[in-house]
Amino acid sequence: MSTSETFETILYEKDGHDKFATITINRPEKLNAMNKTTVREIDRAVAMAVADKDVNALIITGAGRAFSSGYDLQGADYDVDIEDWHADMSENAQALLNIWKAPIPVIASVNGYALAGALELMMACDLAIASDNAKFGEPEVRHNSGPPALFMPWLLATRDVRWLMYTGDLVDAEEALRMHLINKIVPADQLREKTENLARKLARMPVPAIKFAKSSINNQQIAAGLMTSFDFNVHAIAALHVSRDGQEWMRNLQKMSLKEYLEFRDAPFKGLD
């Protein structure tokens, strides 16, 4: 593996022989929580991979114990108006759409947690392989928020979408496989090997055929209204953040540690499984 680009919050590596690249979210001390820099660096790295004629497949993964715990709740500026929230949500959604639209296959390699915005990042990828200890969920509903780009209704059965979006519950790898959130489960110590082997397989496929297959699948979803639903979602999430309830949750976050905040958020739901 080699790289010629330096990033602050991610790693970008290219296997020139097997023609695939790997983006690793590299904030393990924060369970790879994504801040603005991370979102922009992932977007830049995806563009690099797409522009490189020696990259025919791309892996996105996380360093350490998690794929990513989602957006960094303590790394955001909450003293902003709805226009600022809309701009932030639009930027995040566009970065995810750029992965979804990339003309090369993108594989999510999920180790540990894939939560909230990171679950949407995983779903923006074409395929997902998960370790047997992975956990998935959209817990934002519990603090009056939601994902900036909602891929879930385009991938899962409606009842499964409602369960995850309404409850904020986490599911394990077996349940995620049943829901079709992921394609395959492997032992944690084999995740990298299995993901890289899939990347090698996809990179050896005829490039025009892969591009055609991906664009055909994506265009069916666009024709069904995917972009319209994304526009609505960005507006709705921005409005949630500036609502009275949204402002109250933000004030709580600003005066608590993250651990205290998450315990406070989840306390009303303990014992209700």
C-alpha atoms as a PDB file:
ATOM      1  CA  MET A   1       0.000   0.000   0.000  1.00  0.00           C
ATOM      2  CA  SER A   2       1.203   3.505  -0.740  1.00  0.00           C
ATOM      3  CA  THR A   3      -0.097   7.054  -0.481  1.00  0.00           C
ATOM      4  CA  SER A   4       1.043  10.465  -1.675  1.00  0.00           C
ATOM      5  CA  GLU A   5      -1.485  12.617   0.180  1.00  0.00           C
ATOM      6  CA  THR A   6      -1.481  13.706   3.821  1.00  0.00           C
ATOM      7  CA  PHE A   7      -4.735  14.091   5.726  1.00  0.00           C
ATOM      8  CA  GLU A   8      -5.550  15.140   9.286  1.00  0.00           C
ATOM      9  CA  THR A   9      -8.361  12.739  10.221  1.00  0.00           C
ATOM     10  CA  ILE A  10      -8.219   9.950   7.630  1.00  0.00           C
ATOM     11  CA  LEU A  11      -5.661   7.728   5.944  1.00  0.00           C
ATOM     12  CA  TYR A  12      -5.626   7.125   2.195  1.00  0.00           C
ATOM     13  CA  GLU A  13      -3.762   4.111   0.861  1.00  0.00           C
ATOM     14  CA  LYS A  14      -3.525   2.795  -2.672  1.00  0.00           C
ATOM     15  CA  ASP A  15      -2.665  -0.717  -3.787  1.00  0.00           C
ATOM     16  CA  GLY A  16      -1.340  -0.034  -7.263  1.00  0.00           C
ATOM     17  CA  HIS A  17      -0.840  -3.711  -8.067  1.00  0.00           C
ATOM     18  CA  ASP A  18      -4.399  -4.800  -7.291  1.00  0.00           C
ATOM     19  CA  LYS A  19      -5.960  -1.463  -8.264  1.00  0.00           C
ATOM     20  CA  PHE A  20      -7.931  -0.583  -5.165  1.00  0.00           C
ATOM     21  CA  ALA A  21      -7.662   2.144  -2.540  1.00  0.00           C
ATOM     22  CA  THR A  22      -8.616   2.317   1.132  1.00  0.00           C
ATOM     23  CA  ILE A  23      -9.926   5.271   3.124  1.00  0.00           C
ATOM     24  CA  THR A  24      -9.568   4.774   6.884  1.00  0.00           C
ATOM     25  CA  ILE A  25     -11.278   7.149   9.300  1.00  0.00           C
ATOM     26  CA  ASN A  26      -8.442   7.730  11.745  1.00  0.00           C
ATOM     27  CA  ARG A  27      -9.786   9.151  15.001  1.00  0.00           C
ATOM     28  CA  PRO A  28      -9.725   5.962  17.102  1.00  0.00           C
ATOM     29  CA  GLU A  29      -9.574   7.888  20.382  1.00  0.00           C
ATOM     30  CA  LYS A  30     -13.072   9.227  19.543  1.00  0.00           C
ATOM     31  CA  LEU A  31     -14.373   5.984  18.011  1.00  0.00           C
ATOM     32  CA  ASN A  32     -13.795   7.699  14.656  1.00  0.00           C
ATOM     33  CA  ALA A  33     -16.474  10.340  15.254  1.00  0.00           C
ATOM     34  CA  MET A  34     -16.601  12.513  12.139  1.00  0.00           C
ATOM     35  CA  ASN A  35     -16.177  16.283  12.306  1.00  0.00           C
ATOM     36  CA  LYS A  36     -16.301  18.768   9.418  1.00  0.00           C
ATOM     37  CA  THR A  37     -12.685  18.057   8.556  1.00  0.00           C
ATOM     38  CA  THR A  38     -13.370  14.323   8.358  1.00  0.00           C
ATOM     39  CA  VAL A  39     -16.360  14.785   6.059  1.00  0.00           C
ATOM     40  CA  ARG A  40     -14.362  17.032   3.737  1.00  0.00           C
ATOM     41  CA  GLU A  41     -11.328  14.755   3.749  1.00  0.00           C
ATOM     42  CA  ILE A  42     -13.409  11.677   2.938  1.00  0.00           C
ATOM     43  CA  ASP A  43     -15.004  13.620   0.094  1.00  0.00           C
ATOM     44  CA  ARG A  44     -11.592  14.666  -1.198  1.00  0.00           C
ATOM     45  CA  ALA A  45     -10.201  11.143  -0.949  1.00  0.00           C
ATOM     46  CA  VAL A  46     -13.192   9.695  -2.809  1.00  0.00           C
ATOM     47  CA  ALA A  47     -12.589  12.239  -5.583  1.00  0.00           C
ATOM     48  CA  MET A  48      -8.923  11.198  -5.695  1.00  0.00           C
ATOM     49  CA  ALA A  49      -9.845   7.548  -6.069  1.00  0.00           C
ATOM     50  CA  VAL A  50     -12.399   8.275  -8.786  1.00  0.00           C
ATOM     51  CA  ALA A  51      -9.902  10.384 -10.740  1.00  0.00           C
ATOM     52  CA  ASP A  52      -7.157   7.739 -10.530  1.00  0.00           C
ATOM     53  CA  LYS A  53      -7.217   5.360 -13.506  1.00  0.00           C
ATOM     54  CA  ASP A  54      -5.284   2.840 -11.414  1.00  0.00           C
ATOM     55  CA  VAL A  55      -8.090   2.577  -8.816  1.00  0.00           C
ATOM     56  CA  ASN A  56     -10.998   0.346  -9.814  1.00  0.00           C
ATOM     57  CA  ALA A  57     -12.463  -0.234  -6.331  1.00  0.00           C
ATOM     58  CA  LEU A  58     -12.530   1.606  -3.015  1.00  0.00           C
ATOM     59  CA  ILE A  59     -12.771   0.474   0.626  1.00  0.00           C
ATOM     60  CA  ILE A  60     -13.963   2.727   3.454  1.00  0.00           C
ATOM     61  CA  THR A  61     -13.222   1.584   7.016  1.00  0.00           C
ATOM     62  CA  GLY A  62     -12.309   2.846  10.473  1.00  0.00           C
ATOM     63  CA  ALA A  63      -9.231   2.534  12.679  1.00  0.00           C
ATOM     64  CA  GLY A  64      -9.388   0.735  16.005  1.00  0.00           C
ATOM     65  CA  ARG A  65     -12.604  -0.405  17.681  1.00  0.00           C
ATOM     66  CA  ALA A  66     -15.173   1.235  15.399  1.00  0.00           C
ATOM     67  CA  PHE A  67     -16.102   1.972  11.827  1.00  0.00           C
ATOM     68  CA  SER A  68     -17.417   5.278  13.193  1.00  0.00           C
ATOM     69  CA  SER A  69     -19.702   6.362  16.019  1.00  0.00           C
ATOM     70  CA  GLY A  70     -21.250   9.022  13.761  1.00  0.00           C
ATOM     71  CA  TYR A  71     -20.855  12.777  13.660  1.00  0.00           C
ATOM     72  CA  ASP A  72     -18.790  14.334  16.450  1.00  0.00           C
ATOM     73  CA  LEU A  73     -21.398  15.806  18.816  1.00  0.00           C
ATOM     74  CA  GLN A  74     -18.769  17.783  20.704  1.00  0.00           C
ATOM     75  CA  GLY A  75     -17.031  19.063  17.600  1.00  0.00           C
ATOM     76  CA  ALA A  76     -19.929  21.055  16.162  1.00  0.00           C
ATOM     77  CA  ASP A  77     -20.943  24.717  16.469  1.00  0.00           C
ATOM     78  CA  TYR A  78     -24.506  24.750  17.792  1.00  0.00           C
ATOM     79  CA  ASP A  79     -24.953  28.530  18.051  1.00  0.00           C
ATOM     80  CA  VAL A  80     -26.111  28.901  14.443  1.00  0.00           C
ATOM     81  CA  ASP A  81     -29.342  29.629  12.589  1.00  0.00           C
ATOM     82  CA  ILE A  82     -31.377  27.441  10.257  1.00  0.00           C
ATOM     83  CA  GLU A  83     -29.480  28.620   7.164  1.00  0.00           C
ATOM     84  CA  ASP A  84     -26.189  27.494   8.714  1.00  0.00           C
ATOM     85  CA  TRP A  85     -27.693  24.160   9.721  1.00  0.00           C
ATOM     86  CA  HIS A  86     -29.060  23.722   6.218  1.00  0.00           C
ATOM     87  CA  ALA A  87     -25.630  24.453   4.724  1.00  0.00           C
ATOM     88  CA  ASP A  88     -23.961  21.936   7.053  1.00  0.00           C
ATOM     89  CA  MET A  89     -26.538  19.230   6.398  1.00  0.00           C
ATOM     90  CA  SER A  90     -26.325  19.863   2.644  1.00  0.00           C
ATOM     91  CA  GLU A  91     -22.540  19.512   2.710  1.00  0.00           C
ATOM     92  CA  ASN A  92     -22.753  16.260   4.668  1.00  0.00           C
ATOM     93  CA  ALA A  93     -25.454  14.876   2.387  1.00  0.00           C
ATOM     94  CA  GLN A  94     -23.503  15.810  -0.744  1.00  0.00           C
ATOM     95  CA  ALA A  95     -20.386  14.036   0.527  1.00  0.00           C
ATOM     96  CA  LEU A  96     -22.452  10.877   1.003  1.00  0.00           C
ATOM     97  CA  LEU A  97     -24.053  11.249  -2.416  1.00  0.00           C
ATOM     98  CA  ASN A  98     -20.596  11.569  -3.977  1.00  0.00           C
ATOM     99  CA  ILE A  99     -19.761   8.124  -2.587  1.00  0.00           C
ATOM    100  CA  TRP A 100     -23.070   6.746  -3.834  1.00  0.00           C
ATOM    101  CA  LYS A 101     -22.491   8.238  -7.309  1.00  0.00           C
ATOM    102  CA  ALA A 102     -18.815   7.258  -7.598  1.00  0.00           C
ATOM    103  CA  PRO A 103     -18.345   5.284 -10.844  1.00  0.00           C
ATOM    104  CA  ILE A 104     -16.301   2.631  -9.035  1.00  0.00           C
ATOM    105  CA  PRO A 105     -17.619   0.088  -6.497  1.00  0.00           C
ATOM    106  CA  VAL A 106     -17.238   1.244  -2.888  1.00  0.00           C
ATOM    107  CA  ILE A 107     -17.102  -1.300  -0.044  1.00  0.00           C
ATOM    108  CA  ALA A 108     -17.775  -0.467   3.605  1.00  0.00           C
ATOM    109  CA  SER A 109     -15.607  -2.592   5.904  1.00  0.00           C
ATOM    110  CA  VAL A 110     -17.385  -2.324   9.246  1.00  0.00           C
ATOM    111  CA  ASN A 111     -15.520  -3.071  12.449  1.00  0.00           C
ATOM    112  CA  GLY A 112     -17.395  -2.346  15.674  1.00  0.00           C
ATOM    113  CA  TYR A 113     -19.870   0.533  15.772  1.00  0.00           C
ATOM    114  CA  ALA A 114     -21.520   2.074  12.703  1.00  0.00           C
ATOM    115  CA  LEU A 115     -23.939   4.609  14.151  1.00  0.00           C
ATOM    116  CA  ALA A 116     -25.960   7.609  13.029  1.00  0.00           C
ATOM    117  CA  GLY A 117     -24.181   9.501  10.232  1.00  0.00           C
ATOM    118  CA  ALA A 118     -21.687   6.650   9.963  1.00  0.00           C
ATOM    119  CA  LEU A 119     -24.511   4.223   9.247  1.00  0.00           C
ATOM    120  CA  GLU A 120     -25.545   6.500   6.383  1.00  0.00           C
ATOM    121  CA  LEU A 121     -21.908   6.533   5.240  1.00  0.00           C
ATOM    122  CA  MET A 122     -21.969   2.741   5.221  1.00  0.00           C
ATOM    123  CA  MET A 123     -25.250   2.709   3.292  1.00  0.00           C
ATOM    124  CA  ALA A 124     -23.859   5.145   0.711  1.00  0.00           C
ATOM    125  CA  CYS A 125     -21.365   2.411  -0.187  1.00  0.00           C
ATOM    126  CA  ASP A 126     -22.314  -0.243  -2.728  1.00  0.00           C
ATOM    127  CA  LEU A 127     -21.520  -3.207  -0.492  1.00  0.00           C
ATOM    128  CA  ALA A 128     -20.870  -3.758   3.207  1.00  0.00           C
ATOM    129  CA  ILE A 129     -18.910  -6.477   4.998  1.00  0.00           C
ATOM    130  CA  ALA A 130     -19.111  -6.450   8.796  1.00  0.00           C
ATOM    131  CA  SER A 131     -17.218  -8.077  11.625  1.00  0.00           C
ATOM    132  CA  ASP A 132     -19.192 -10.421  13.849  1.00  0.00           C
ATOM    133  CA  ASN A 133     -18.976  -7.886  16.704  1.00  0.00           C
ATOM    134  CA  ALA A 134     -20.380  -4.953  14.707  1.00  0.00           C
ATOM    135  CA  LYS A 135     -23.293  -2.837  15.966  1.00  0.00           C
ATOM    136  CA  PHE A 136     -25.571  -0.642  13.880  1.00  0.00           C
ATOM    137  CA  GLY A 137     -28.155   2.026  14.652  1.00  0.00           C
ATOM    138  CA  GLU A 138     -29.679   5.481  14.147  1.00  0.00           C
ATOM    139  CA  PRO A 139     -29.818   6.775  17.755  1.00  0.00           C
ATOM    140  CA  GLU A 140     -30.207  10.447  16.726  1.00  0.00           C
ATOM    141  CA  VAL A 141     -33.979  10.338  17.205  1.00  0.00           C
ATOM    142  CA  ARG A 142     -33.370  10.165  20.954  1.00  0.00           C
ATOM    143  CA  HIS A 143     -31.857  13.660  20.929  1.00  0.00           C
ATOM    144  CA  ASN A 144     -34.214  15.226  18.395  1.00  0.00           C
ATOM    145  CA  SER A 145     -32.065  14.773  15.316  1.00  0.00           C
ATOM    146  CA  GLY A 146     -31.632  12.537  12.299  1.00  0.00           C
ATOM    147  CA  PRO A 147     -29.272  11.685   9.436  1.00  0.00           C
ATOM    148  CA  PRO A 148     -28.546  14.322   6.753  1.00  0.00           C
ATOM    149  CA  ALA A 149     -28.949  11.801   3.927  1.00  0.00           C
ATOM    150  CA  LEU A 150     -31.515   9.073   4.384  1.00  0.00           C
ATOM    151  CA  PHE A 151     -30.469   6.027   2.343  1.00  0.00           C
ATOM    152  CA  MET A 152     -32.237   3.561   4.606  1.00  0.00           C
ATOM    153  CA  PRO A 153     -35.701   3.580   2.940  1.00  0.00           C
ATOM    154  CA  TRP A 154     -34.014   2.751  -0.371  1.00  0.00           C
ATOM    155  CA  LEU A 155     -32.288  -0.342   1.021  1.00  0.00           C
ATOM    156  CA  LEU A 156     -34.502  -1.857   3.730  1.00  0.00           C
ATOM    157  CA  ALA A 157     -38.077  -2.986   4.163  1.00  0.00           C
ATOM    158  CA  THR A 158     -40.264  -0.162   5.457  1.00  0.00           C
ATOM    159  CA  ARG A 159     -41.026  -1.822   8.791  1.00  0.00           C
ATOM    160  CA  ASP A 160     -37.318  -2.297   9.505  1.00  0.00           C
ATOM    161  CA  VAL A 161     -36.674   1.349   8.590  1.00  0.00           C
ATOM    162  CA  ARG A 162     -39.400   2.514  10.952  1.00  0.00           C
ATOM    163  CA  TRP A 163     -38.053   0.335  13.780  1.00  0.00           C
ATOM    164  CA  LEU A 164     -34.533   1.712  13.502  1.00  0.00           C
ATOM    165  CA  MET A 165     -35.581   5.325  12.910  1.00  0.00           C
ATOM    166  CA  TYR A 166     -38.315   5.460  15.568  1.00  0.00           C
ATOM    167  CA  THR A 167     -36.593   3.596  18.428  1.00  0.00           C
ATOM    168  CA  GLY A 168     -32.914   4.472  18.074  1.00  0.00           C
ATOM    169  CA  ASP A 169     -32.179   0.858  19.007  1.00  0.00           C
ATOM    170  CA  LEU A 170     -28.897  -0.776  18.029  1.00  0.00           C
ATOM    171  CA  VAL A 171     -28.835  -4.091  16.188  1.00  0.00           C
ATOM    172  CA  ASP A 172     -26.080  -6.683  15.944  1.00  0.00           C
ATOM    173  CA  ALA A 173     -24.497  -8.049  12.790  1.00  0.00           C
ATOM    174  CA  GLU A 174     -26.904 -10.981  12.464  1.00  0.00           C
ATOM    175  CA  GLU A 175     -29.939  -8.699  12.608  1.00  0.00           C
ATOM    176  CA  ALA A 176     -28.266  -6.250  10.218  1.00  0.00           C
ATOM    177  CA  LEU A 177     -27.750  -9.098   7.755  1.00  0.00           C
ATOM    178  CA  ARG A 178     -31.399 -10.121   8.051  1.00  0.00           C
ATOM    179  CA  MET A 179     -32.429  -6.518   7.353  1.00  0.00           C
ATOM    180  CA  HIS A 180     -30.083  -6.331   4.333  1.00  0.00           C
ATOM    181  CA  LEU A 181     -28.102  -3.505   5.914  1.00  0.00           C
ATOM    182  CA  ILE A 182     -24.972  -5.545   5.171  1.00  0.00           C
ATOM    183  CA  ASN A 183     -23.979  -8.220   2.664  1.00  0.00           C
ATOM    184  CA  LYS A 184     -21.778 -10.499   4.737  1.00  0.00           C
ATOM    185  CA  ILE A 185     -20.516 -11.198   8.270  1.00  0.00           C
ATOM    186  CA  VAL A 186     -16.952 -12.382   8.900  1.00  0.00           C
ATOM    187  CA  PRO A 187     -14.872 -12.984  12.043  1.00  0.00           C
ATOM    188  CA  ALA A 188     -13.318  -9.729  13.234  1.00  0.00           C
ATOM    189  CA  ASP A 189      -9.778 -10.990  12.671  1.00  0.00           C
ATOM    190  CA  GLN A 190     -10.602 -11.779   9.024  1.00  0.00           C
ATOM    191  CA  LEU A 191     -12.392  -8.532   8.154  1.00  0.00           C
ATOM    192  CA  ARG A 192      -9.501  -6.800   6.426  1.00  0.00           C
ATOM    193  CA  GLU A 193      -8.492  -9.891   4.444  1.00  0.00           C
ATOM    194  CA  LYS A 194     -12.029 -10.640   3.269  1.00  0.00           C
ATOM    195  CA  THR A 195     -12.735  -7.019   2.361  1.00  0.00           C
ATOM    196  CA  GLU A 196      -9.509  -6.638   0.412  1.00  0.00           C
ATOM    197  CA  ASN A 197     -10.176  -9.886  -1.450  1.00  0.00           C
ATOM    198  CA  LEU A 198     -13.583  -8.535  -2.478  1.00  0.00           C
ATOM    199  CA  ALA A 199     -11.931  -5.290  -3.605  1.00  0.00           C
ATOM    200  CA  ARG A 200      -9.446  -7.293  -5.687  1.00  0.00           C
ATOM    201  CA  LYS A 201     -12.293  -9.272  -7.250  1.00  0.00           C
ATOM    202  CA  LEU A 202     -14.260  -6.136  -8.149  1.00  0.00           C
ATOM    203  CA  ALA A 203     -11.147  -4.353  -9.425  1.00  0.00           C
ATOM    204  CA  ARG A 204     -10.559  -7.206 -11.897  1.00  0.00           C
ATOM    205  CA  MET A 205     -14.062  -6.958 -13.366  1.00  0.00           C
ATOM    206  CA  PRO A 206     -14.446  -5.176 -16.729  1.00  0.00           C
ATOM    207  CA  VAL A 207     -14.552  -1.508 -15.706  1.00  0.00           C
ATOM    208  CA  PRO A 208     -17.227  -0.399 -18.227  1.00  0.00           C
ATOM    209  CA  ALA A 209     -19.560  -3.200 -17.123  1.00  0.00           C
ATOM    210  CA  ILE A 210     -19.278  -2.223 -13.448  1.00  0.00           C
ATOM    211  CA  LYS A 211     -19.896   1.443 -14.303  1.00  0.00           C
ATOM    212  CA  PHE A 212     -22.952   0.487 -16.348  1.00  0.00           C
ATOM    213  CA  ALA A 213     -24.349  -1.744 -13.601  1.00  0.00           C
ATOM    214  CA  LYS A 214     -23.900   0.918 -10.926  1.00  0.00           C
ATOM    215  CA  SER A 215     -25.353   3.753 -12.999  1.00  0.00           C
ATOM    216  CA  SER A 216     -28.328   1.612 -14.017  1.00  0.00           C
ATOM    217  CA  ILE A 217     -29.142   0.727 -10.405  1.00  0.00           C
ATOM    218  CA  ASN A 218     -28.677   4.324  -9.242  1.00  0.00           C
ATOM    219  CA  ASN A 219     -30.772   5.760 -12.048  1.00  0.00           C
ATOM    220  CA  GLN A 220     -33.683   3.533 -11.073  1.00  0.00           C
ATOM    221  CA  GLN A 221     -33.590   5.036  -7.585  1.00  0.00           C
ATOM    222  CA  ILE A 222     -33.250   8.570  -8.953  1.00  0.00           C
ATOM    223  CA  ALA A 223     -36.270   7.974 -11.183  1.00  0.00           C
ATOM    224  CA  ALA A 224     -38.197   6.785  -8.129  1.00  0.00           C
ATOM    225  CA  GLY A 225     -37.505  10.081  -6.335  1.00  0.00           C
ATOM    226  CA  LEU A 226     -34.309   9.607  -4.326  1.00  0.00           C
ATOM    227  CA  MET A 227     -32.998  13.142  -4.892  1.00  0.00           C
ATOM    228  CA  THR A 228     -36.338  14.724  -3.985  1.00  0.00           C
ATOM    229  CA  SER A 229     -36.438  12.750  -0.750  1.00  0.00           C
ATOM    230  CA  PHE A 230     -32.884  13.849   0.086  1.00  0.00           C
ATOM    231  CA  ASP A 231     -33.780  17.524  -0.431  1.00  0.00           C
ATOM    232  CA  PHE A 232     -36.737  17.160   1.927  1.00  0.00           C
ATOM    233  CA  ASN A 233     -34.596  15.382   4.502  1.00  0.00           C
ATOM    234  CA  VAL A 234     -31.960  18.141   4.601  1.00  0.00           C
ATOM    235  CA  HIS A 235     -34.647  20.802   5.194  1.00  0.00           C
ATOM    236  CA  ALA A 236     -36.346  18.681   7.869  1.00  0.00           C
ATOM    237  CA  ILE A 237     -33.169  17.985   9.850  1.00  0.00           C
ATOM    238  CA  ALA A 238     -32.147  21.660   9.782  1.00  0.00           C
ATOM    239  CA  ALA A 239     -35.594  22.602  11.109  1.00  0.00           C
ATOM    240  CA  LEU A 240     -35.326  19.982  13.876  1.00  0.00           C
ATOM    241  CA  HIS A 241     -32.051  21.458  15.093  1.00  0.00           C
ATOM    242  CA  VAL A 242     -33.458  24.977  15.504  1.00  0.00           C
ATOM    243  CA  SER A 243     -36.745  23.858  17.060  1.00  0.00           C
ATOM    244  CA  ARG A 244     -37.412  24.462  20.772  1.00  0.00           C
ATOM    245  CA  ASP A 245     -36.687  20.812  21.579  1.00  0.00           C
ATOM    246  CA  GLY A 246     -33.584  20.857  19.408  1.00  0.00           C
ATOM    247  CA  GLN A 247     -32.206  23.922  21.185  1.00  0.00           C
ATOM    248  CA  GLU A 248     -32.843  22.331  24.582  1.00  0.00           C
ATOM    249  CA  TRP A 249     -30.910  19.201  23.601  1.00  0.00           C
ATOM    250  CA  MET A 250     -28.023  21.343  22.390  1.00  0.00           C
ATOM    251  CA  ARG A 251     -27.916  23.248  25.692  1.00  0.00           C
ATOM    252  CA  ASN A 252     -27.774  19.930  27.541  1.00  0.00           C
ATOM    253  CA  LEU A 253     -24.887  18.771  25.362  1.00  0.00           C
ATOM    254  CA  GLN A 254     -22.941  21.977  25.963  1.00  0.00           C
ATOM    255  CA  LYS A 255     -23.109  21.659  29.755  1.00  0.00           C
ATOM    256  CA  MET A 256     -22.446  17.897  30.017  1.00  0.00           C
ATOM    257  CA  SER A 257     -19.599  15.595  29.145  1.00  0.00           C
ATOM    258  CA  LEU A 258     -20.362  13.333  26.200  1.00  0.00           C
ATOM    259  CA  LYS A 259     -20.650  10.312  28.513  1.00  0.00           C
ATOM    260  CA  GLU A 260     -23.106  12.168  30.768  1.00  0.00           C
ATOM    261  CA  TYR A 261     -25.082  13.372  27.768  1.00  0.00           C
ATOM    262  CA  LEU A 262     -25.473   9.910  26.257  1.00  0.00           C
ATOM    263  CA  GLU A 263     -26.482   8.444  29.617  1.00  0.00           C
ATOM    264  CA  PHE A 264     -29.035  11.257  30.059  1.00  0.00           C
ATOM    265  CA  ARG A 265     -30.338  10.706  26.530  1.00  0.00           C
ATOM    266  CA  ASP A 266     -30.746   6.948  26.857  1.00  0.00           C
ATOM    267  CA  ALA A 267     -31.939   6.771  30.484  1.00  0.00           C
ATOM    268  CA  PRO A 268     -35.699   6.955  29.686  1.00  0.00           C
ATOM    269  CA  PHE A 269     -35.425   3.859  27.492  1.00  0.00           C
ATOM    270  CA  LYS A 270     -33.611   1.480  29.840  1.00  0.00           C
ATOM    271  CA  GLY A 271     -35.495  -1.740  30.493  1.00  0.00           C
ATOM    272  CA  LEU A 272     -37.910  -1.188  27.599  1.00  0.00           C
ATOM    273  CA  ASP A 273     -36.549  -3.839  25.232  1.00  0.00           C
END
